[in-house]
Amino acid sequence: MGEGLSSVKKGRRRRANRRIAHERIHILFKQAIALFAVEMDLARRYVDLARKIGMRYKVRLPTEYRWMICKHCKRFLFPGKTSRTRIQQRREPHVVVTCLSCGGYNRMPLNQRRNKT
């Protein structure tokens, strides 16, 4: 009978794969940001690859990178080129990032709500 990997080895391999995936995501986003002014299509491809790596290895994108992707059309949002950023003061102060390709928008609160006691 063939013996499979023990659960300890599987856990170590899974953690190593996730760590490598995290590193690759960081590298791809940094390259996409650096290349966006010169080669927009290549930058989009890098961001798409980073998203796919995150899904494949079940790794969440870091928050600072998550806001760089449109939640509606999954395009790379680069301030001033593919997205518009505005600060709104109504209700709770928040930042609105609007995708210029699909018109979708994302809201980010500027300060956390505090529990009133």
PDB file of N, CA and C in Angstrom:
ATOM      1  N   MET A   1       0.831  -1.187   0.000  1.00  0.00           N
ATOM      2  CA  MET A   1       0.000   0.000   0.000  1.00  0.00           C
ATOM      3  C   MET A   1       0.871   1.244   0.000  1.00  0.00           C
ATOM      4  N   GLY A   2       0.439   2.223  -0.799  1.00  0.00           N
ATOM      5  CA  GLY A   2       1.172   3.482  -0.845  1.00  0.00           C
ATOM      6  C   GLY A   2       0.777   4.371   0.323  1.00  0.00           C
ATOM      7  N   GLU A   3       1.778   4.935   0.920  1.00  0.00           N
ATOM      8  CA  GLU A   3       1.495   5.820   2.038  1.00  0.00           C
ATOM      9  C   GLU A   3       1.499   7.259   1.557  1.00  0.00           C
ATOM     10  N   GLY A   4       0.484   8.022   1.972  1.00  0.00           N
ATOM     11  CA  GLY A   4       0.404   9.440   1.623  1.00  0.00           C
ATOM     12  C   GLY A   4       1.202  10.268   2.595  1.00  0.00           C
ATOM     13  N   LEU A   5       1.211  11.530   2.380  1.00  0.00           N
ATOM     14  CA  LEU A   5       1.897  12.433   3.293  1.00  0.00           C
ATOM     15  C   LEU A   5       1.151  12.506   4.611  1.00  0.00           C
ATOM     16  N   SER A   6       1.895  12.614   5.675  1.00  0.00           N
ATOM     17  CA  SER A   6       1.238  12.775   6.966  1.00  0.00           C
ATOM     18  C   SER A   6       0.615  14.162   7.034  1.00  0.00           C
ATOM     19  N   SER A   7      -0.298  14.333   7.946  1.00  0.00           N
ATOM     20  CA  SER A   7      -0.986  15.624   8.061  1.00  0.00           C
ATOM     21  C   SER A   7      -0.028  16.745   8.454  1.00  0.00           C
ATOM     22  N   VAL A   8       1.034  16.409   9.184  1.00  0.00           N
ATOM     23  CA  VAL A   8       2.016  17.417   9.577  1.00  0.00           C
ATOM     24  C   VAL A   8       2.749  17.937   8.342  1.00  0.00           C
ATOM     25  N   LYS A   9       3.151  17.033   7.446  1.00  0.00           N
ATOM     26  CA  LYS A   9       3.857  17.442   6.234  1.00  0.00           C
ATOM     27  C   LYS A   9       2.943  18.244   5.316  1.00  0.00           C
ATOM     28  N   LYS A  10       1.673  17.846   5.235  1.00  0.00           N
ATOM     29  CA  LYS A  10       0.721  18.583   4.409  1.00  0.00           C
ATOM     30  C   LYS A  10       0.542  20.002   4.933  1.00  0.00           C
ATOM     31  N   GLY A  11       0.448  20.139   6.253  1.00  0.00           N
ATOM     32  CA  GLY A  11       0.293  21.463   6.865  1.00  0.00           C
ATOM     33  C   GLY A  11       1.487  22.355   6.599  1.00  0.00           C
ATOM     34  N   ARG A  12       2.695  21.773   6.702  1.00  0.00           N
ATOM     35  CA  ARG A  12       3.908  22.553   6.435  1.00  0.00           C
ATOM     36  C   ARG A  12       3.964  22.984   4.981  1.00  0.00           C
ATOM     37  N   ARG A  13       3.615  22.059   4.079  1.00  0.00           N
ATOM     38  CA  ARG A  13       3.642  22.372   2.656  1.00  0.00           C
ATOM     39  C   ARG A  13       2.620  23.459   2.337  1.00  0.00           C
ATOM     40  N   ARG A  14       1.436  23.375   2.941  1.00  0.00           N
ATOM     41  CA  ARG A  14       0.391  24.366   2.698  1.00  0.00           C
ATOM     42  C   ARG A  14       0.834  25.740   3.172  1.00  0.00           C
ATOM     43  N   ARG A  15       1.460  25.806   4.357  1.00  0.00           N
ATOM     44  CA  ARG A  15       1.944  27.086   4.875  1.00  0.00           C
ATOM     45  C   ARG A  15       3.053  27.652   3.998  1.00  0.00           C
ATOM     46  N   ALA A  16       3.941  26.786   3.524  1.00  0.00           N
ATOM     47  CA  ALA A  16       5.026  27.237   2.654  1.00  0.00           C
ATOM     48  C   ALA A  16       4.460  27.763   1.341  1.00  0.00           C
ATOM     49  N   ASN A  17       3.473  27.059   0.776  1.00  0.00           N
ATOM     50  CA  ASN A  17       2.854  27.509  -0.465  1.00  0.00           C
ATOM     51  C   ASN A  17       2.164  28.854  -0.276  1.00  0.00           C
ATOM     52  N   ARG A  18       1.485  29.036   0.839  1.00  0.00           N
ATOM     53  CA  ARG A  18       0.808  30.311   1.097  1.00  0.00           C
ATOM     54  C   ARG A  18       1.794  31.445   1.273  1.00  0.00           C
ATOM     55  N   ARG A  19       2.913  31.159   1.936  1.00  0.00           N
ATOM     56  CA  ARG A  19       3.941  32.183   2.124  1.00  0.00           C
ATOM     57  C   ARG A  19       4.524  32.599   0.778  1.00  0.00           C
ATOM     58  N   ILE A  20       4.815  31.623  -0.073  1.00  0.00           N
ATOM     59  CA  ILE A  20       5.349  31.921  -1.405  1.00  0.00           C
ATOM     60  C   ILE A  20       4.311  32.693  -2.222  1.00  0.00           C
ATOM     61  N   ALA A  21       3.048  32.297  -2.127  1.00  0.00           N
ATOM     62  CA  ALA A  21       1.984  32.995  -2.852  1.00  0.00           C
ATOM     63  C   ALA A  21       1.891  34.443  -2.402  1.00  0.00           C
ATOM     64  N   HIS A  22       2.000  34.677  -1.095  1.00  0.00           N
ATOM     65  CA  HIS A  22       1.965  36.040  -0.559  1.00  0.00           C
ATOM     66  C   HIS A  22       3.117  36.873  -1.121  1.00  0.00           C
ATOM     67  N   GLU A  23       4.311  36.287  -1.156  1.00  0.00           N
ATOM     68  CA  GLU A  23       5.471  36.996  -1.702  1.00  0.00           C
ATOM     69  C   GLU A  23       5.261  37.333  -3.177  1.00  0.00           C
ATOM     70  N   ARG A  24       4.732  36.392  -3.940  1.00  0.00           N
ATOM     71  CA  ARG A  24       4.502  36.621  -5.363  1.00  0.00           C
ATOM     72  C   ARG A  24       3.467  37.715  -5.591  1.00  0.00           C
ATOM     73  N   ILE A  25       2.438  37.735  -4.759  1.00  0.00           N
ATOM     74  CA  ILE A  25       1.417  38.782  -4.869  1.00  0.00           C
ATOM     75  C   ILE A  25       2.042  40.148  -4.648  1.00  0.00           C
ATOM     76  N   HIS A  26       2.876  40.271  -3.617  1.00  0.00           N
ATOM     77  CA  HIS A  26       3.552  41.556  -3.346  1.00  0.00           C
ATOM     78  C   HIS A  26       4.422  41.970  -4.531  1.00  0.00           C
ATOM     79  N   ILE A  27       5.186  41.027  -5.067  1.00  0.00           N
ATOM     80  CA  ILE A  27       6.073  41.332  -6.202  1.00  0.00           C
ATOM     81  C   ILE A  27       5.261  41.778  -7.405  1.00  0.00           C
ATOM     82  N   LEU A  28       4.189  41.054  -7.723  1.00  0.00           N
ATOM     83  CA  LEU A  28       3.382  41.388  -8.902  1.00  0.00           C
ATOM     84  C   LEU A  28       2.731  42.765  -8.770  1.00  0.00           C
ATOM     85  N   PHE A  29       2.220  43.093  -7.586  1.00  0.00           N
ATOM     86  CA  PHE A  29       1.602  44.409  -7.403  1.00  0.00           C
ATOM     87  C   PHE A  29       2.640  45.518  -7.500  1.00  0.00           C
ATOM     88  N   LYS A  30       3.820  45.314  -6.923  1.00  0.00           N
ATOM     89  CA  LYS A  30       4.860  46.342  -7.005  1.00  0.00           C
ATOM     90  C   LYS A  30       5.273  46.570  -8.457  1.00  0.00           C
ATOM     91  N   GLN A  31       5.408  45.487  -9.225  1.00  0.00           N
ATOM     92  CA  GLN A  31       5.766  45.629 -10.634  1.00  0.00           C
ATOM     93  C   GLN A  31       4.648  46.304 -11.422  1.00  0.00           C
ATOM     94  N   ALA A  32       3.397  45.970 -11.101  1.00  0.00           N
ATOM     95  CA  ALA A  32       2.267  46.591 -11.796  1.00  0.00           C
ATOM     96  C   ALA A  32       2.234  48.092 -11.548  1.00  0.00           C
ATOM     97  N   ILE A  33       2.481  48.509 -10.315  1.00  0.00           N
ATOM     98  CA  ILE A  33       2.491  49.935  -9.984  1.00  0.00           C
ATOM     99  C   ILE A  33       3.633  50.642 -10.721  1.00  0.00           C
ATOM    100  N   ALA A  34       4.802  49.993 -10.769  1.00  0.00           N
ATOM    101  CA  ALA A  34       5.957  50.608 -11.426  1.00  0.00           C
ATOM    102  C   ALA A  34       5.765  50.695 -12.938  1.00  0.00           C
ATOM    103  N   LEU A  35       5.105  49.711 -13.539  1.00  0.00           N
ATOM    104  CA  LEU A  35       4.971  49.652 -14.998  1.00  0.00           C
ATOM    105  C   LEU A  35       3.735  50.340 -15.546  1.00  0.00           C
ATOM    106  N   PHE A  36       2.824  50.760 -14.691  1.00  0.00           N
ATOM    107  CA  PHE A  36       1.526  51.216 -15.183  1.00  0.00           C
ATOM    108  C   PHE A  36       1.631  52.391 -16.148  1.00  0.00           C
ATOM    109  N   ALA A  37       2.518  53.332 -15.885  1.00  0.00           N
ATOM    110  CA  ALA A  37       2.639  54.508 -16.752  1.00  0.00           C
ATOM    111  C   ALA A  37       3.161  54.135 -18.138  1.00  0.00           C
ATOM    112  N   VAL A  38       3.991  53.107 -18.213  1.00  0.00           N
ATOM    113  CA  VAL A  38       4.608  52.712 -19.475  1.00  0.00           C
ATOM    114  C   VAL A  38       3.766  51.677 -20.220  1.00  0.00           C
ATOM    115  N   GLU A  39       3.353  50.636 -19.524  1.00  0.00           N
ATOM    116  CA  GLU A  39       2.703  49.491 -20.147  1.00  0.00           C
ATOM    117  C   GLU A  39       1.448  49.117 -19.356  1.00  0.00           C
ATOM    118  N   MET A  40       0.315  49.742 -19.689  1.00  0.00           N
ATOM    119  CA  MET A  40      -0.929  49.525 -18.933  1.00  0.00           C
ATOM    120  C   MET A  40      -1.423  48.084 -19.023  1.00  0.00           C
ATOM    121  N   ASP A  41      -1.329  47.485 -20.201  1.00  0.00           N
ATOM    122  CA  ASP A  41      -1.824  46.111 -20.375  1.00  0.00           C
ATOM    123  C   ASP A  41      -1.023  45.113 -19.553  1.00  0.00           C
ATOM    124  N   LEU A  42       0.280  45.296 -19.503  1.00  0.00           N
ATOM    125  CA  LEU A  42       1.121  44.405 -18.717  1.00  0.00           C
ATOM    126  C   LEU A  42       0.834  44.560 -17.225  1.00  0.00           C
ATOM    127  N   ALA A  43       0.616  45.791 -16.783  1.00  0.00           N
ATOM    128  CA  ALA A  43       0.282  46.034 -15.382  1.00  0.00           C
ATOM    129  C   ALA A  43      -1.042  45.352 -15.028  1.00  0.00           C
ATOM    130  N   ARG A  44      -2.036  45.447 -15.913  1.00  0.00           N
ATOM    131  CA  ARG A  44      -3.314  44.760 -15.679  1.00  0.00           C
ATOM    132  C   ARG A  44      -3.127  43.259 -15.591  1.00  0.00           C
ATOM    133  N   ARG A  45      -2.264  42.732 -16.452  1.00  0.00           N
ATOM    134  CA  ARG A  45      -1.992  41.289 -16.453  1.00  0.00           C
ATOM    135  C   ARG A  45      -1.357  40.866 -15.128  1.00  0.00           C
ATOM    136  N   TYR A  46      -0.423  41.661 -14.620  1.00  0.00           N
ATOM    137  CA  TYR A  46       0.218  41.343 -13.342  1.00  0.00           C
ATOM    138  C   TYR A  46      -0.802  41.306 -12.207  1.00  0.00           C
ATOM    139  N   VAL A  47      -1.711  42.264 -12.203  1.00  0.00           N
ATOM    140  CA  VAL A  47      -2.731  42.309 -11.152  1.00  0.00           C
ATOM    141  C   VAL A  47      -3.669  41.107 -11.282  1.00  0.00           C
ATOM    142  N   ASP A  48      -4.020  40.754 -12.506  1.00  0.00           N
ATOM    143  CA  ASP A  48      -4.870  39.593 -12.726  1.00  0.00           C
ATOM    144  C   ASP A  48      -4.182  38.311 -12.247  1.00  0.00           C
ATOM    145  N   LEU A  49      -2.889  38.187 -12.527  1.00  0.00           N
ATOM    146  CA  LEU A  49      -2.133  37.024 -12.055  1.00  0.00           C
ATOM    147  C   LEU A  49      -2.080  36.988 -10.524  1.00  0.00           C
ATOM    148  N   ALA A  50      -1.886  38.142  -9.900  1.00  0.00           N
ATOM    149  CA  ALA A  50      -1.850  38.201  -8.433  1.00  0.00           C
ATOM    150  C   ALA A  50      -3.182  37.750  -7.840  1.00  0.00           C
ATOM    151  N   ARG A  51      -4.292  38.186  -8.447  1.00  0.00           N
ATOM    152  CA  ARG A  51      -5.615  37.752  -7.976  1.00  0.00           C
ATOM    153  C   ARG A  51      -5.783  36.248  -8.113  1.00  0.00           C
ATOM    154  N   LYS A  52      -5.360  35.694  -9.243  1.00  0.00           N
ATOM    155  CA  LYS A  52      -5.496  34.257  -9.477  1.00  0.00           C
ATOM    156  C   LYS A  52      -4.636  33.445  -8.520  1.00  0.00           C
ATOM    157  N   ILE A  53      -3.432  33.931  -8.232  1.00  0.00           N
ATOM    158  CA  ILE A  53      -2.572  33.247  -7.259  1.00  0.00           C
ATOM    159  C   ILE A  53      -3.237  33.250  -5.891  1.00  0.00           C
ATOM    160  N   GLY A  54      -3.810  34.390  -5.517  1.00  0.00           N
ATOM    161  CA  GLY A  54      -4.505  34.471  -4.227  1.00  0.00           C
ATOM    162  C   GLY A  54      -5.672  33.505  -4.143  1.00  0.00           C
ATOM    163  N   MET A  55      -6.440  33.383  -5.217  1.00  0.00           N
ATOM    164  CA  MET A  55      -7.575  32.452  -5.215  1.00  0.00           C
ATOM    165  C   MET A  55      -7.104  31.003  -5.192  1.00  0.00           C
ATOM    166  N   ARG A  56      -6.048  30.705  -5.943  1.00  0.00           N
ATOM    167  CA  ARG A  56      -5.561  29.332  -6.051  1.00  0.00           C
ATOM    168  C   ARG A  56      -5.063  28.812  -4.708  1.00  0.00           C
ATOM    169  N   TYR A  57      -4.335  29.661  -3.970  1.00  0.00           N
ATOM    170  CA  TYR A  57      -3.761  29.237  -2.695  1.00  0.00           C
ATOM    171  C   TYR A  57      -4.544  29.731  -1.495  1.00  0.00           C
ATOM    172  N   LYS A  58      -5.727  30.265  -1.727  1.00  0.00           N
ATOM    173  CA  LYS A  58      -6.624  30.734  -0.667  1.00  0.00           C
ATOM    174  C   LYS A  58      -5.934  31.732   0.258  1.00  0.00           C
ATOM    175  N   VAL A  59      -5.308  32.725  -0.376  1.00  0.00           N
ATOM    176  CA  VAL A  59      -4.615  33.799   0.347  1.00  0.00           C
ATOM    177  C   VAL A  59      -5.365  35.085   0.070  1.00  0.00           C
ATOM    178  N   ARG A  60      -5.711  35.805   1.108  1.00  0.00           N
ATOM    179  CA  ARG A  60      -6.368  37.104   0.918  1.00  0.00           C
ATOM    180  C   ARG A  60      -5.352  38.128   0.482  1.00  0.00           C
ATOM    181  N   LEU A  61      -5.778  38.986  -0.431  1.00  0.00           N
ATOM    182  CA  LEU A  61      -4.912  40.079  -0.834  1.00  0.00           C
ATOM    183  C   LEU A  61      -4.778  41.056   0.329  1.00  0.00           C
ATOM    184  N   PRO A  62      -3.611  41.642   0.524  1.00  0.00           N
ATOM    185  CA  PRO A  62      -3.463  42.647   1.573  1.00  0.00           C
ATOM    186  C   PRO A  62      -4.406  43.825   1.326  1.00  0.00           C
ATOM    187  N   THR A  63      -4.821  44.492   2.371  1.00  0.00           N
ATOM    188  CA  THR A  63      -5.815  45.559   2.283  1.00  0.00           C
ATOM    189  C   THR A  63      -5.396  46.668   1.328  1.00  0.00           C
ATOM    190  N   GLU A  64      -4.133  47.053   1.368  1.00  0.00           N
ATOM    191  CA  GLU A  64      -3.697  48.146   0.500  1.00  0.00           C
ATOM    192  C   GLU A  64      -3.789  47.761  -0.976  1.00  0.00           C
ATOM    193  N   TYR A  65      -3.682  46.468  -1.281  1.00  0.00           N
ATOM    194  CA  TYR A  65      -3.821  46.018  -2.666  1.00  0.00           C
ATOM    195  C   TYR A  65      -5.280  45.736  -3.025  1.00  0.00           C
ATOM    196  N   ARG A  66      -6.058  45.343  -2.048  1.00  0.00           N
ATOM    197  CA  ARG A  66      -7.463  45.047  -2.309  1.00  0.00           C
ATOM    198  C   ARG A  66      -8.213  46.280  -2.809  1.00  0.00           C
ATOM    199  N   TRP A  67      -7.825  47.459  -2.305  1.00  0.00           N
ATOM    200  CA  TRP A  67      -8.484  48.698  -2.742  1.00  0.00           C
ATOM    201  C   TRP A  67      -8.043  49.123  -4.130  1.00  0.00           C
ATOM    202  N   MET A  68      -7.023  48.462  -4.684  1.00  0.00           N
ATOM    203  CA  MET A  68      -6.541  48.794  -6.025  1.00  0.00           C
ATOM    204  C   MET A  68      -7.228  47.985  -7.115  1.00  0.00           C
ATOM    205  N   ILE A  69      -8.215  47.185  -6.739  1.00  0.00           N
ATOM    206  CA  ILE A  69      -8.948  46.379  -7.713  1.00  0.00           C
ATOM    207  C   ILE A  69     -10.416  46.753  -7.635  1.00  0.00           C
ATOM    208  N   CYS A  70     -11.027  47.001  -8.803  1.00  0.00           N
ATOM    209  CA  CYS A  70     -12.448  47.326  -8.848  1.00  0.00           C
ATOM    210  C   CYS A  70     -13.244  46.093  -8.458  1.00  0.00           C
ATOM    211  N   LYS A  71     -14.181  46.260  -7.542  1.00  0.00           N
ATOM    212  CA  LYS A  71     -14.985  45.126  -7.075  1.00  0.00           C
ATOM    213  C   LYS A  71     -16.002  44.681  -8.125  1.00  0.00           C
ATOM    214  N   HIS A  72     -16.252  45.528  -9.125  1.00  0.00           N
ATOM    215  CA  HIS A  72     -17.276  45.234 -10.122  1.00  0.00           C
ATOM    216  C   HIS A  72     -16.691  44.597 -11.381  1.00  0.00           C
ATOM    217  N   CYS A  73     -15.662  45.218 -11.965  1.00  0.00           N
ATOM    218  CA  CYS A  73     -15.102  44.709 -13.228  1.00  0.00           C
ATOM    219  C   CYS A  73     -13.729  44.061 -13.045  1.00  0.00           C
ATOM    220  N   LYS A  74     -13.192  44.066 -11.821  1.00  0.00           N
ATOM    221  CA  LYS A  74     -11.911  43.442 -11.475  1.00  0.00           C
ATOM    222  C   LYS A  74     -10.713  44.053 -12.202  1.00  0.00           C
ATOM    223  N   ARG A  75     -10.803  45.313 -12.565  1.00  0.00           N
ATOM    224  CA  ARG A  75      -9.702  46.015 -13.221  1.00  0.00           C
ATOM    225  C   ARG A  75      -8.795  46.658 -12.187  1.00  0.00           C
ATOM    226  N   PHE A  76      -7.562  46.941 -12.603  1.00  0.00           N
ATOM    227  CA  PHE A  76      -6.579  47.596 -11.757  1.00  0.00           C
ATOM    228  C   PHE A  76      -6.928  49.076 -11.659  1.00  0.00           C
ATOM    229  N   LEU A  77      -7.082  49.585 -10.450  1.00  0.00           N
ATOM    230  CA  LEU A  77      -7.414  50.990 -10.228  1.00  0.00           C
ATOM    231  C   LEU A  77      -6.143  51.763  -9.894  1.00  0.00           C
ATOM    232  N   PHE A  78      -5.760  52.641 -10.789  1.00  0.00           N
ATOM    233  CA  PHE A  78      -4.598  53.486 -10.576  1.00  0.00           C
ATOM    234  C   PHE A  78      -5.101  54.913 -10.452  1.00  0.00           C
ATOM    235  N   PRO A  79      -4.889  55.579  -9.303  1.00  0.00           N
ATOM    236  CA  PRO A  79      -5.450  56.905  -9.087  1.00  0.00           C
ATOM    237  C   PRO A  79      -5.054  57.895 -10.180  1.00  0.00           C
ATOM    238  N   GLY A  80      -6.064  58.565 -10.727  1.00  0.00           N
ATOM    239  CA  GLY A  80      -5.832  59.568 -11.751  1.00  0.00           C
ATOM    240  C   GLY A  80      -5.882  59.031 -13.166  1.00  0.00           C
ATOM    241  N   LYS A  81      -5.632  57.747 -13.360  1.00  0.00           N
ATOM    242  CA  LYS A  81      -5.634  57.150 -14.695  1.00  0.00           C
ATOM    243  C   LYS A  81      -6.878  56.298 -14.914  1.00  0.00           C
ATOM    244  N   THR A  82      -7.104  55.333 -14.039  1.00  0.00           N
ATOM    245  CA  THR A  82      -8.260  54.444 -14.206  1.00  0.00           C
ATOM    246  C   THR A  82      -9.275  54.599 -13.082  1.00  0.00           C
ATOM    247  N   SER A  83      -8.996  55.493 -12.138  1.00  0.00           N
ATOM    248  CA  SER A  83      -9.954  55.699 -11.048  1.00  0.00           C
ATOM    249  C   SER A  83      -9.952  57.163 -10.628  1.00  0.00           C
ATOM    250  N   ARG A  84     -11.070  57.570 -10.032  1.00  0.00           N
ATOM    251  CA  ARG A  84     -11.211  58.916  -9.485  1.00  0.00           C
ATOM    252  C   ARG A  84     -11.407  58.757  -7.988  1.00  0.00           C
ATOM    253  N   THR A  85     -10.703  59.545  -7.208  1.00  0.00           N
ATOM    254  CA  THR A  85     -10.769  59.458  -5.757  1.00  0.00           C
ATOM    255  C   THR A  85     -11.322  60.759  -5.203  1.00  0.00           C
ATOM    256  N   ARG A  86     -12.372  60.652  -4.391  1.00  0.00           N
ATOM    257  CA  ARG A  86     -13.002  61.825  -3.785  1.00  0.00           C
ATOM    258  C   ARG A  86     -13.201  61.577  -2.290  1.00  0.00           C
ATOM    259  N   ILE A  87     -13.178  62.656  -1.534  1.00  0.00           N
ATOM    260  CA  ILE A  87     -13.474  62.580  -0.099  1.00  0.00           C
ATOM    261  C   ILE A  87     -14.864  63.141   0.112  1.00  0.00           C
ATOM    262  N   GLN A  88     -15.715  62.395   0.787  1.00  0.00           N
ATOM    263  CA  GLN A  88     -17.088  62.815   1.075  1.00  0.00           C
ATOM    264  C   GLN A  88     -17.227  63.066   2.576  1.00  0.00           C
ATOM    265  N   GLN A  89     -17.918  64.126   2.939  1.00  0.00           N
ATOM    266  CA  GLN A  89     -18.111  64.458   4.347  1.00  0.00           C
ATOM    267  C   GLN A  89     -19.506  64.092   4.847  1.00  0.00           C
ATOM    268  N   ARG A  90     -20.403  63.741   3.940  1.00  0.00           N
ATOM    269  CA  ARG A  90     -21.773  63.420   4.349  1.00  0.00           C
ATOM    270  C   ARG A  90     -21.806  62.222   5.277  1.00  0.00           C
ATOM    271  N   ARG A  91     -22.735  62.248   6.225  1.00  0.00           N
ATOM    272  CA  ARG A  91     -22.881  61.195   7.242  1.00  0.00           C
ATOM    273  C   ARG A  91     -21.534  60.947   7.912  1.00  0.00           C
ATOM    274  N   GLU A  92     -20.921  59.836   7.602  1.00  0.00           N
ATOM    275  CA  GLU A  92     -19.585  59.536   8.108  1.00  0.00           C
ATOM    276  C   GLU A  92     -18.578  59.956   7.037  1.00  0.00           C
ATOM    277  N   PRO A  93     -17.477  60.589   7.402  1.00  0.00           N
ATOM    278  CA  PRO A  93     -16.473  60.933   6.388  1.00  0.00           C
ATOM    279  C   PRO A  93     -15.909  59.661   5.751  1.00  0.00           C
ATOM    280  N   HIS A  94     -15.829  59.655   4.419  1.00  0.00           N
ATOM    281  CA  HIS A  94     -15.322  58.480   3.725  1.00  0.00           C
ATOM    282  C   HIS A  94     -14.702  58.881   2.391  1.00  0.00           C
ATOM    283  N   VAL A  95     -13.913  57.976   1.847  1.00  0.00           N
ATOM    284  CA  VAL A  95     -13.284  58.165   0.546  1.00  0.00           C
ATOM    285  C   VAL A  95     -14.054  57.316  -0.451  1.00  0.00           C
ATOM    286  N   VAL A  96     -14.383  57.896  -1.609  1.00  0.00           N
ATOM    287  CA  VAL A  96     -15.077  57.167  -2.665  1.00  0.00           C
ATOM    288  C   VAL A  96     -14.107  57.017  -3.832  1.00  0.00           C
ATOM    289  N   VAL A  97     -13.836  55.769  -4.213  1.00  0.00           N
ATOM    290  CA  VAL A  97     -12.980  55.481  -5.355  1.00  0.00           C
ATOM    291  C   VAL A  97     -13.894  54.986  -6.470  1.00  0.00           C
ATOM    292  N   THR A  98     -13.931  55.725  -7.595  1.00  0.00           N
ATOM    293  CA  THR A  98     -14.796  55.399  -8.725  1.00  0.00           C
ATOM    294  C   THR A  98     -13.952  54.846  -9.870  1.00  0.00           C
ATOM    295  N   CYS A  99     -14.351  53.694 -10.390  1.00  0.00           N
ATOM    296  CA  CYS A  99     -13.678  53.084 -11.534  1.00  0.00           C
ATOM    297  C   CYS A  99     -14.121  53.824 -12.792  1.00  0.00           C
ATOM    298  N   LEU A 100     -13.177  54.264 -13.598  1.00  0.00           N
ATOM    299  CA  LEU A 100     -13.513  55.011 -14.800  1.00  0.00           C
ATOM    300  C   LEU A 100     -13.887  54.109 -15.974  1.00  0.00           C
ATOM    301  N   SER A 101     -13.667  52.795 -15.852  1.00  0.00           N
ATOM    302  CA  SER A 101     -14.029  51.909 -16.957  1.00  0.00           C
ATOM    303  C   SER A 101     -15.457  51.382 -16.818  1.00  0.00           C
ATOM    304  N   CYS A 102     -15.903  51.068 -15.597  1.00  0.00           N
ATOM    305  CA  CYS A 102     -17.257  50.527 -15.436  1.00  0.00           C
ATOM    306  C   CYS A 102     -18.191  51.458 -14.668  1.00  0.00           C
ATOM    307  N   GLY A 103     -17.652  52.462 -13.983  1.00  0.00           N
ATOM    308  CA  GLY A 103     -18.478  53.380 -13.214  1.00  0.00           C
ATOM    309  C   GLY A 103     -18.783  52.896 -11.805  1.00  0.00           C
ATOM    310  N   GLY A 104     -18.296  51.723 -11.443  1.00  0.00           N
ATOM    311  CA  GLY A 104     -18.517  51.203 -10.094  1.00  0.00           C
ATOM    312  C   GLY A 104     -17.726  51.998  -9.077  1.00  0.00           C
ATOM    313  N   TYR A 105     -18.191  51.986  -7.841  1.00  0.00           N
ATOM    314  CA  TYR A 105     -17.480  52.735  -6.814  1.00  0.00           C
ATOM    315  C   TYR A 105     -17.379  51.930  -5.540  1.00  0.00           C
ATOM    316  N   ASN A 106     -16.341  52.245  -4.767  1.00  0.00           N
ATOM    317  CA  ASN A 106     -16.081  51.623  -3.478  1.00  0.00           C
ATOM    318  C   ASN A 106     -15.920  52.722  -2.446  1.00  0.00           C
ATOM    319  N   ARG A 107     -16.473  52.494  -1.277  1.00  0.00           N
ATOM    320  CA  ARG A 107     -16.359  53.475  -0.194  1.00  0.00           C
ATOM    321  C   ARG A 107     -15.452  52.939   0.896  1.00  0.00           C
ATOM    322  N   MET A 108     -14.574  53.818   1.391  1.00  0.00           N
ATOM    323  CA  MET A 108     -13.684  53.456   2.491  1.00  0.00           C
ATOM    324  C   MET A 108     -13.895  54.449   3.621  1.00  0.00           C
ATOM    325  N   PRO A 109     -14.280  54.002   4.794  1.00  0.00           N
ATOM    326  CA  PRO A 109     -14.441  54.939   5.911  1.00  0.00           C
ATOM    327  C   PRO A 109     -13.093  55.531   6.323  1.00  0.00           C
ATOM    328  N   LEU A 110     -13.117  56.807   6.705  1.00  0.00           N
ATOM    329  CA  LEU A 110     -11.881  57.469   7.120  1.00  0.00           C
ATOM    330  C   LEU A 110     -11.541  57.207   8.578  1.00  0.00           C
ATOM    331  N   ASN A 111     -12.546  57.039   9.400  1.00  0.00           N
ATOM    332  CA  ASN A 111     -12.273  56.717  10.796  1.00  0.00           C
ATOM    333  C   ASN A 111     -13.241  55.624  11.246  1.00  0.00           C
ATOM    334  N   GLN A 112     -12.805  54.837  12.203  1.00  0.00           N
ATOM    335  CA  GLN A 112     -13.626  53.736  12.694  1.00  0.00           C
ATOM    336  C   GLN A 112     -14.707  54.274  13.619  1.00  0.00           C
ATOM    337  N   ARG A 113     -15.856  53.634  13.564  1.00  0.00           N
ATOM    338  CA  ARG A 113     -16.925  54.019  14.479  1.00  0.00           C
ATOM    339  C   ARG A 113     -16.565  53.603  15.892  1.00  0.00           C
ATOM    340  N   ARG A 114     -16.919  54.439  16.820  1.00  0.00           N
ATOM    341  CA  ARG A 114     -16.628  54.123  18.226  1.00  0.00           C
ATOM    342  C   ARG A 114     -17.950  53.803  18.913  1.00  0.00           C
ATOM    343  N   ASN A 115     -17.898  52.814  19.791  1.00  0.00           N
ATOM    344  CA  ASN A 115     -19.100  52.451  20.549  1.00  0.00           C
ATOM    345  C   ASN A 115     -19.374  53.511  21.607  1.00  0.00           C
ATOM    346  N   LYS A 116     -20.608  53.964  21.632  1.00  0.00           N
ATOM    347  CA  LYS A 116     -20.993  54.955  22.632  1.00  0.00           C
ATOM    348  C   LYS A 116     -21.409  54.233  23.905  1.00  0.00           C
ATOM    349  N   THR A 117     -20.760  54.567  25.016  1.00  0.00           N
ATOM    350  CA  THR A 117     -21.117  53.923  26.293  1.00  0.00           C
ATOM    351  C   THR A 117     -21.495  54.933  27.317  1.00  0.00           C
TER     352      THR A 117
END
